[in-house]
Amino acid sequence: MRIGLDIGATNIKGVLVKNRKIIKKIILQTKTEQGKNIIIKQILDALHLLYNRNVDFIGIGAAGVVKNGTIVYSANMSRYGWKNINLESIVKNEFRTKTTVINDGQSAAWGEFVIREKREGTLVCLTIGTGIGGGIVINGKLINGTAGEFGHMTIDVNGRKCTCGNKGCLEEYVSDRAIRRIARSYGLEATTKEIINAAKKGNQKAIRTFEVAGKYLGIGLSNIVNILDPDIIVIGGGISKAGRFLLAPAKREMKKRVMPMNRSVKIEKTRLGVFSSAYGAAML
């Protein structure tokens, strides 16, 4: 049996996997603003909820740059002390179980790759939530390092300042904070979940919000397609719950900007929903 965790700035999601199937799921709200010690306690608590004597592997997908099991930096969490943390060592010492920690976008890509049982071609995954993570799988190989930081591609050189310090990053136009900001510009003050629900009920301000965000997402997707020529791009994370309201304008904008031979790329929502990263971490 295997445990997978996905640690984000908003939620910690966990799964217990047996024979490649998820048999238990948990979601905890991340107490990001309370600092690293509280987050570490939450992680260990989550693992204890899932752990049993038959578990022989723990995989963790964590927001930010991860090197050798250490979370080096996170654009959305480092200001709360979430940096230079050897999480792999902490978990191994607690559970005495083989443990691997990688970037959460990369583990999400791996989860979507495994569930599709596809062994050839290129799969790209974007997870859109507090920020935008991503991962790339090419012919069955997960690309490691800092590859897949799609949220920090520049789409407007004079644009909004991002939490990473750069200007005009994609996640400043499509993430949770971006959706709420766009909605406010139309006089709609609400959480992203409320904006998604409003769009589904026909609220024009909410629909327009996702049209704007979708256009920016399409610009980002066109860059990915022109550079990587993927067979499929999978969109996950909490914002993907907007479904066609986000993806339809994104696809339209992408098709305007990609090379003609690349217009057949598939754009799909994740099959595993918000548990792609946790499942992928478990299946490393």
Protein backbone atom coordinates (compact mmCIF):
# COMPACT_ATOMS: atom_id res chain seq x y z
CA MET A 1 0.00 0.00 0.00
CA ARG A 2 1.09 3.54 -0.69
CA ILE A 3 0.29 7.01 0.64
CA GLY A 4 0.32 10.13 -1.48
CA LEU A 5 0.09 13.72 -0.22
CA ASP A 6 -0.35 16.98 -2.12
CA ILE A 7 0.74 20.02 -0.11
CA GLY A 8 -0.55 23.33 -1.41
CA ALA A 9 -1.03 26.80 0.00
CA THR A 10 -4.79 26.22 0.30
CA ASN A 11 -5.23 22.51 1.03
CA ILE A 12 -3.37 19.34 1.94
CA LYS A 13 -4.87 16.40 0.07
CA GLY A 14 -4.04 12.79 0.75
CA VAL A 15 -4.81 9.34 -0.64
CA LEU A 16 -4.23 5.76 0.41
CA VAL A 17 -3.61 3.56 -2.64
CA LYS A 18 -3.87 -0.21 -2.92
CA ASN A 19 -3.24 -2.05 -6.20
CA ARG A 20 -3.23 1.29 -8.09
CA LYS A 21 -6.69 2.22 -6.75
CA ILE A 22 -7.51 4.97 -4.26
CA ILE A 23 -9.22 3.43 -1.22
CA LYS A 24 -9.20 6.48 1.09
CA LYS A 25 -9.10 10.26 0.60
CA ILE A 26 -8.64 13.20 2.95
CA ILE A 27 -8.54 17.00 2.54
CA LEU A 28 -7.30 19.43 5.20
CA GLN A 29 -7.17 23.20 4.93
CA THR A 30 -3.53 24.31 5.03
CA LYS A 31 -2.79 26.68 7.91
CA THR A 32 -0.28 28.49 5.72
CA GLU A 33 -0.24 31.76 7.62
CA GLN A 34 0.59 30.01 10.91
CA GLY A 35 4.03 29.11 9.59
CA LYS A 36 6.15 26.09 8.74
CA ASN A 37 5.98 24.27 12.10
CA ILE A 38 2.19 24.16 12.02
CA ILE A 39 2.20 23.04 8.37
CA ILE A 40 4.68 20.26 9.18
CA LYS A 41 2.42 19.12 12.05
CA GLN A 42 -0.54 19.10 9.66
CA ILE A 43 1.42 16.97 7.20
CA LEU A 44 2.34 14.43 9.86
CA ASP A 45 -1.24 14.41 11.16
CA ALA A 46 -2.54 13.77 7.64
CA LEU A 47 -0.09 10.90 7.18
CA HIS A 48 -1.13 9.35 10.50
CA LEU A 49 -4.76 9.43 9.32
CA LEU A 50 -3.79 7.38 6.26
CA TYR A 51 -0.97 5.22 7.63
CA ASN A 52 -1.21 1.53 8.53
CA ARG A 53 1.33 -1.28 8.91
CA ASN A 54 0.92 -2.32 5.27
CA VAL A 55 2.14 1.02 3.89
CA ASP A 56 5.57 0.65 2.32
CA PHE A 57 5.92 3.96 0.47
CA ILE A 58 5.03 7.62 1.05
CA GLY A 59 5.09 10.06 -1.84
CA ILE A 60 4.64 13.80 -1.39
CA GLY A 61 3.99 16.47 -3.98
CA ALA A 62 4.82 19.89 -2.54
CA ALA A 63 4.29 23.38 -3.90
CA GLY A 64 7.55 25.03 -4.90
CA VAL A 65 11.06 24.08 -5.93
CA VAL A 66 12.10 20.72 -4.49
CA LYS A 67 15.67 19.39 -4.53
CA ASN A 68 16.78 16.11 -2.95
CA GLY A 69 13.70 15.93 -0.75
CA THR A 70 14.07 19.53 0.44
CA ILE A 71 11.53 22.26 -0.28
CA VAL A 72 13.84 25.09 -1.31
CA TYR A 73 11.39 27.83 -2.26
CA SER A 74 7.68 28.39 -2.91
CA ALA A 75 6.42 31.57 -4.57
CA ASN A 76 3.17 31.47 -2.58
CA MET A 77 4.39 30.03 0.74
CA SER A 78 8.01 31.05 1.36
CA ARG A 79 7.00 34.31 3.01
CA TYR A 80 5.42 32.18 5.75
CA GLY A 81 8.67 30.31 6.37
CA TRP A 82 7.95 27.45 3.97
CA LYS A 83 11.46 27.14 2.54
CA ASN A 84 14.67 25.14 3.05
CA ILE A 85 12.72 22.31 4.72
CA ASN A 86 14.01 18.75 4.37
CA LEU A 87 10.53 17.26 4.40
CA GLU A 88 11.72 13.88 3.16
CA SER A 89 13.94 13.46 6.22
CA ILE A 90 11.21 14.66 8.61
CA VAL A 91 8.70 12.12 7.28
CA LYS A 92 11.23 9.26 7.19
CA ASN A 93 12.15 9.90 10.81
CA GLU A 94 8.49 9.84 11.84
CA PHE A 95 7.36 6.74 9.94
CA ARG A 96 10.56 4.82 9.08
CA THR A 97 9.11 4.31 5.60
CA LYS A 98 10.61 4.97 2.18
CA THR A 99 9.65 8.52 1.23
CA THR A 100 10.03 10.71 -1.84
CA VAL A 101 9.20 14.43 -2.15
CA ILE A 102 8.85 16.19 -5.51
CA ASN A 103 7.11 19.26 -6.93
CA ASP A 104 3.30 18.98 -6.79
CA GLY A 105 2.77 19.93 -10.43
CA GLN A 106 5.13 17.18 -11.49
CA SER A 107 3.41 14.60 -9.30
CA ALA A 108 0.07 15.69 -10.80
CA ALA A 109 1.42 15.11 -14.30
CA TRP A 110 2.64 11.69 -13.23
CA GLY A 111 -0.75 10.82 -11.72
CA GLU A 112 -2.58 11.72 -14.92
CA PHE A 113 -0.03 9.79 -16.95
CA VAL A 114 -0.39 6.65 -14.80
CA ILE A 115 -4.20 6.70 -14.77
CA ARG A 116 -4.28 6.95 -18.58
CA GLU A 117 -1.88 4.02 -19.01
CA LYS A 118 -0.33 5.89 -21.93
CA ARG A 119 3.32 5.10 -22.59
CA GLU A 120 4.22 7.18 -25.64
CA GLY A 121 3.99 10.83 -26.59
CA THR A 122 4.02 13.97 -24.47
CA LEU A 123 1.58 14.79 -21.67
CA VAL A 124 1.59 18.24 -20.06
CA CYS A 125 -0.35 18.98 -16.88
CA LEU A 126 -1.28 22.37 -15.42
CA THR A 127 -2.71 22.64 -11.91
CA ILE A 128 -4.50 25.95 -11.36
CA GLY A 129 -5.27 26.97 -7.79
CA THR A 130 -3.51 29.37 -5.43
CA GLY A 131 -0.86 29.48 -8.15
CA ILE A 132 -0.18 27.47 -11.29
CA GLY A 133 1.97 24.37 -11.16
CA GLY A 134 2.81 21.97 -13.93
CA GLY A 135 4.62 18.91 -15.09
CA ILE A 136 5.75 17.16 -18.26
CA VAL A 137 5.88 13.45 -19.08
CA ILE A 138 7.61 12.44 -22.34
CA ASN A 139 7.47 8.82 -23.50
CA GLY A 140 6.94 7.57 -19.97
CA LYS A 141 9.60 9.75 -18.36
CA LEU A 142 8.74 12.47 -15.85
CA ILE A 143 10.86 15.55 -16.50
CA ASN A 144 12.38 16.65 -13.19
CA GLY A 145 14.15 19.76 -11.96
CA THR A 146 12.31 23.07 -12.36
CA ALA A 147 10.69 22.07 -15.67
CA GLY A 148 6.97 22.74 -15.77
CA GLU A 149 6.84 26.07 -13.90
CA PHE A 150 4.21 27.23 -16.37
CA GLY A 151 2.68 29.65 -13.90
CA HIS A 152 5.80 31.78 -14.13
CA MET A 153 6.03 32.12 -17.88
CA THR A 154 5.83 35.80 -18.80
CA ILE A 155 2.75 36.73 -20.81
CA ASP A 156 2.92 40.51 -20.25
CA VAL A 157 6.38 42.08 -19.84
CA ASN A 158 4.85 45.16 -18.20
CA GLY A 159 2.19 43.24 -16.31
CA ARG A 160 1.25 42.71 -12.68
CA LYS A 161 3.97 41.88 -10.17
CA CYS A 162 3.92 38.22 -9.21
CA THR A 163 4.65 36.68 -5.81
CA CYS A 164 7.87 35.32 -7.37
CA GLY A 165 9.09 38.90 -7.95
CA ASN A 166 8.74 38.86 -11.74
CA LYS A 167 6.15 40.85 -13.69
CA GLY A 168 3.43 39.50 -15.94
CA CYS A 169 3.49 35.83 -14.89
CA LEU A 170 0.60 33.67 -16.11
CA GLU A 171 -0.60 32.89 -12.60
CA GLU A 172 -1.26 36.57 -11.96
CA TYR A 173 -4.01 36.32 -14.60
CA VAL A 174 -5.54 32.86 -14.08
CA SER A 175 -5.01 31.74 -10.44
CA ASP A 176 -7.43 32.01 -7.50
CA ARG A 177 -6.36 35.58 -6.68
CA ALA A 178 -6.58 36.53 -10.36
CA ILE A 179 -10.13 35.19 -10.71
CA ARG A 180 -11.27 37.15 -7.65
CA ARG A 181 -9.54 40.31 -8.90
CA ILE A 182 -11.12 40.07 -12.37
CA ALA A 183 -14.54 39.46 -10.81
CA ARG A 184 -14.14 42.56 -8.61
CA SER A 185 -13.47 44.64 -11.71
CA TYR A 186 -16.99 43.68 -12.84
CA GLY A 187 -18.49 44.49 -9.44
CA LEU A 188 -18.64 40.88 -8.24
CA GLU A 189 -17.08 40.46 -4.78
CA ALA A 190 -16.94 36.73 -4.04
CA THR A 191 -14.74 33.71 -3.47
CA THR A 192 -13.58 31.74 -6.49
CA LYS A 193 -15.90 28.88 -5.54
CA GLU A 194 -18.81 31.31 -5.45
CA ILE A 195 -17.79 32.78 -8.80
CA ILE A 196 -17.68 29.30 -10.35
CA ASN A 197 -21.15 28.50 -8.98
CA ALA A 198 -22.46 31.86 -10.20
CA ALA A 199 -21.18 31.17 -13.72
CA LYS A 200 -22.94 27.80 -13.74
CA LYS A 201 -26.16 29.61 -12.79
CA GLY A 202 -25.79 32.04 -15.69
CA ASN A 203 -24.40 35.09 -13.90
CA GLN A 204 -22.94 37.21 -16.71
CA LYS A 205 -20.32 38.91 -14.54
CA ALA A 206 -19.00 35.51 -13.48
CA ILE A 207 -19.08 34.20 -17.03
CA ARG A 208 -17.21 37.26 -18.27
CA THR A 209 -14.63 36.75 -15.50
CA PHE A 210 -13.77 33.30 -16.83
CA GLU A 211 -13.75 34.54 -20.42
CA VAL A 212 -11.01 37.01 -19.47
CA ALA A 213 -9.05 34.46 -17.43
CA GLY A 214 -9.56 31.87 -20.17
CA LYS A 215 -8.07 34.17 -22.78
CA TYR A 216 -4.91 34.55 -20.69
CA LEU A 217 -4.79 30.80 -20.11
CA GLY A 218 -5.06 30.30 -23.87
CA ILE A 219 -2.02 32.54 -24.40
CA GLY A 220 -0.07 30.39 -21.94
CA LEU A 221 -1.27 27.18 -23.58
CA SER A 222 -0.22 28.40 -27.02
CA ASN A 223 3.32 28.94 -25.73
CA ILE A 224 3.39 25.42 -24.30
CA VAL A 225 2.06 23.91 -27.54
CA ASN A 226 4.48 25.80 -29.78
CA ILE A 227 7.45 24.81 -27.62
CA LEU A 228 6.63 21.20 -26.62
CA ASP A 229 4.14 19.98 -29.26
CA PRO A 230 2.31 17.82 -26.66
CA ASP A 231 -0.28 15.18 -27.50
CA ILE A 232 -2.46 16.26 -24.59
CA ILE A 233 -2.63 19.07 -22.04
CA VAL A 234 -4.47 18.20 -18.83
CA ILE A 235 -5.93 21.01 -16.70
CA GLY A 236 -6.43 20.40 -12.98
CA GLY A 237 -6.58 22.20 -9.65
CA GLY A 238 -9.53 23.92 -8.02
CA ILE A 239 -10.00 26.50 -10.78
CA SER A 240 -10.57 23.71 -13.32
CA LYS A 241 -13.97 23.19 -11.69
CA ALA A 242 -15.08 26.14 -13.81
CA GLY A 243 -15.03 23.67 -16.70
CA ARG A 244 -16.19 24.99 -20.07
CA PHE A 245 -16.46 28.57 -18.77
CA LEU A 246 -12.65 28.63 -18.48
CA LEU A 247 -11.59 26.03 -21.05
CA ALA A 248 -13.74 27.12 -24.01
CA PRO A 249 -12.23 30.64 -24.24
CA ALA A 250 -8.79 29.17 -23.48
CA LYS A 251 -9.07 26.76 -26.42
CA ARG A 252 -10.27 29.53 -28.75
CA GLU A 253 -7.37 31.79 -27.84
CA MET A 254 -4.84 28.98 -28.04
CA LYS A 255 -5.95 28.00 -31.55
CA LYS A 256 -5.50 31.59 -32.73
CA ARG A 257 -1.87 31.59 -31.60
CA VAL A 258 -0.43 28.11 -32.24
CA MET A 259 1.26 26.98 -35.42
CA PRO A 260 -1.30 25.44 -37.83
CA MET A 261 0.13 21.91 -37.48
CA ASN A 262 -0.39 22.04 -33.68
CA ARG A 263 -4.10 22.82 -33.58
CA SER A 264 -5.16 19.22 -32.91
CA VAL A 265 -3.69 18.99 -29.40
CA LYS A 266 -6.21 17.67 -26.85
CA ILE A 267 -7.14 19.87 -23.89
CA GLU A 268 -8.85 17.94 -21.08
CA LYS A 269 -9.72 18.26 -17.41
CA THR A 270 -7.92 15.89 -15.06
CA ARG A 271 -9.40 12.42 -14.62
CA LEU A 272 -8.41 12.41 -10.96
CA GLY A 273 -9.82 15.84 -10.11
CA VAL A 274 -8.07 17.58 -7.23
CA PHE A 275 -6.33 14.33 -6.23
CA SER A 276 -4.05 14.10 -9.29
CA SER A 277 -0.98 15.28 -7.40
CA ALA A 278 -1.59 13.09 -4.34
CA TYR A 279 -2.19 10.02 -6.51
CA GLY A 280 0.84 10.77 -8.67
CA ALA A 281 3.01 11.13 -5.58
CA ALA A 282 1.82 7.76 -4.31
CA MET A 283 2.61 6.14 -7.66
CA LEU A 284 6.16 7.50 -8.02
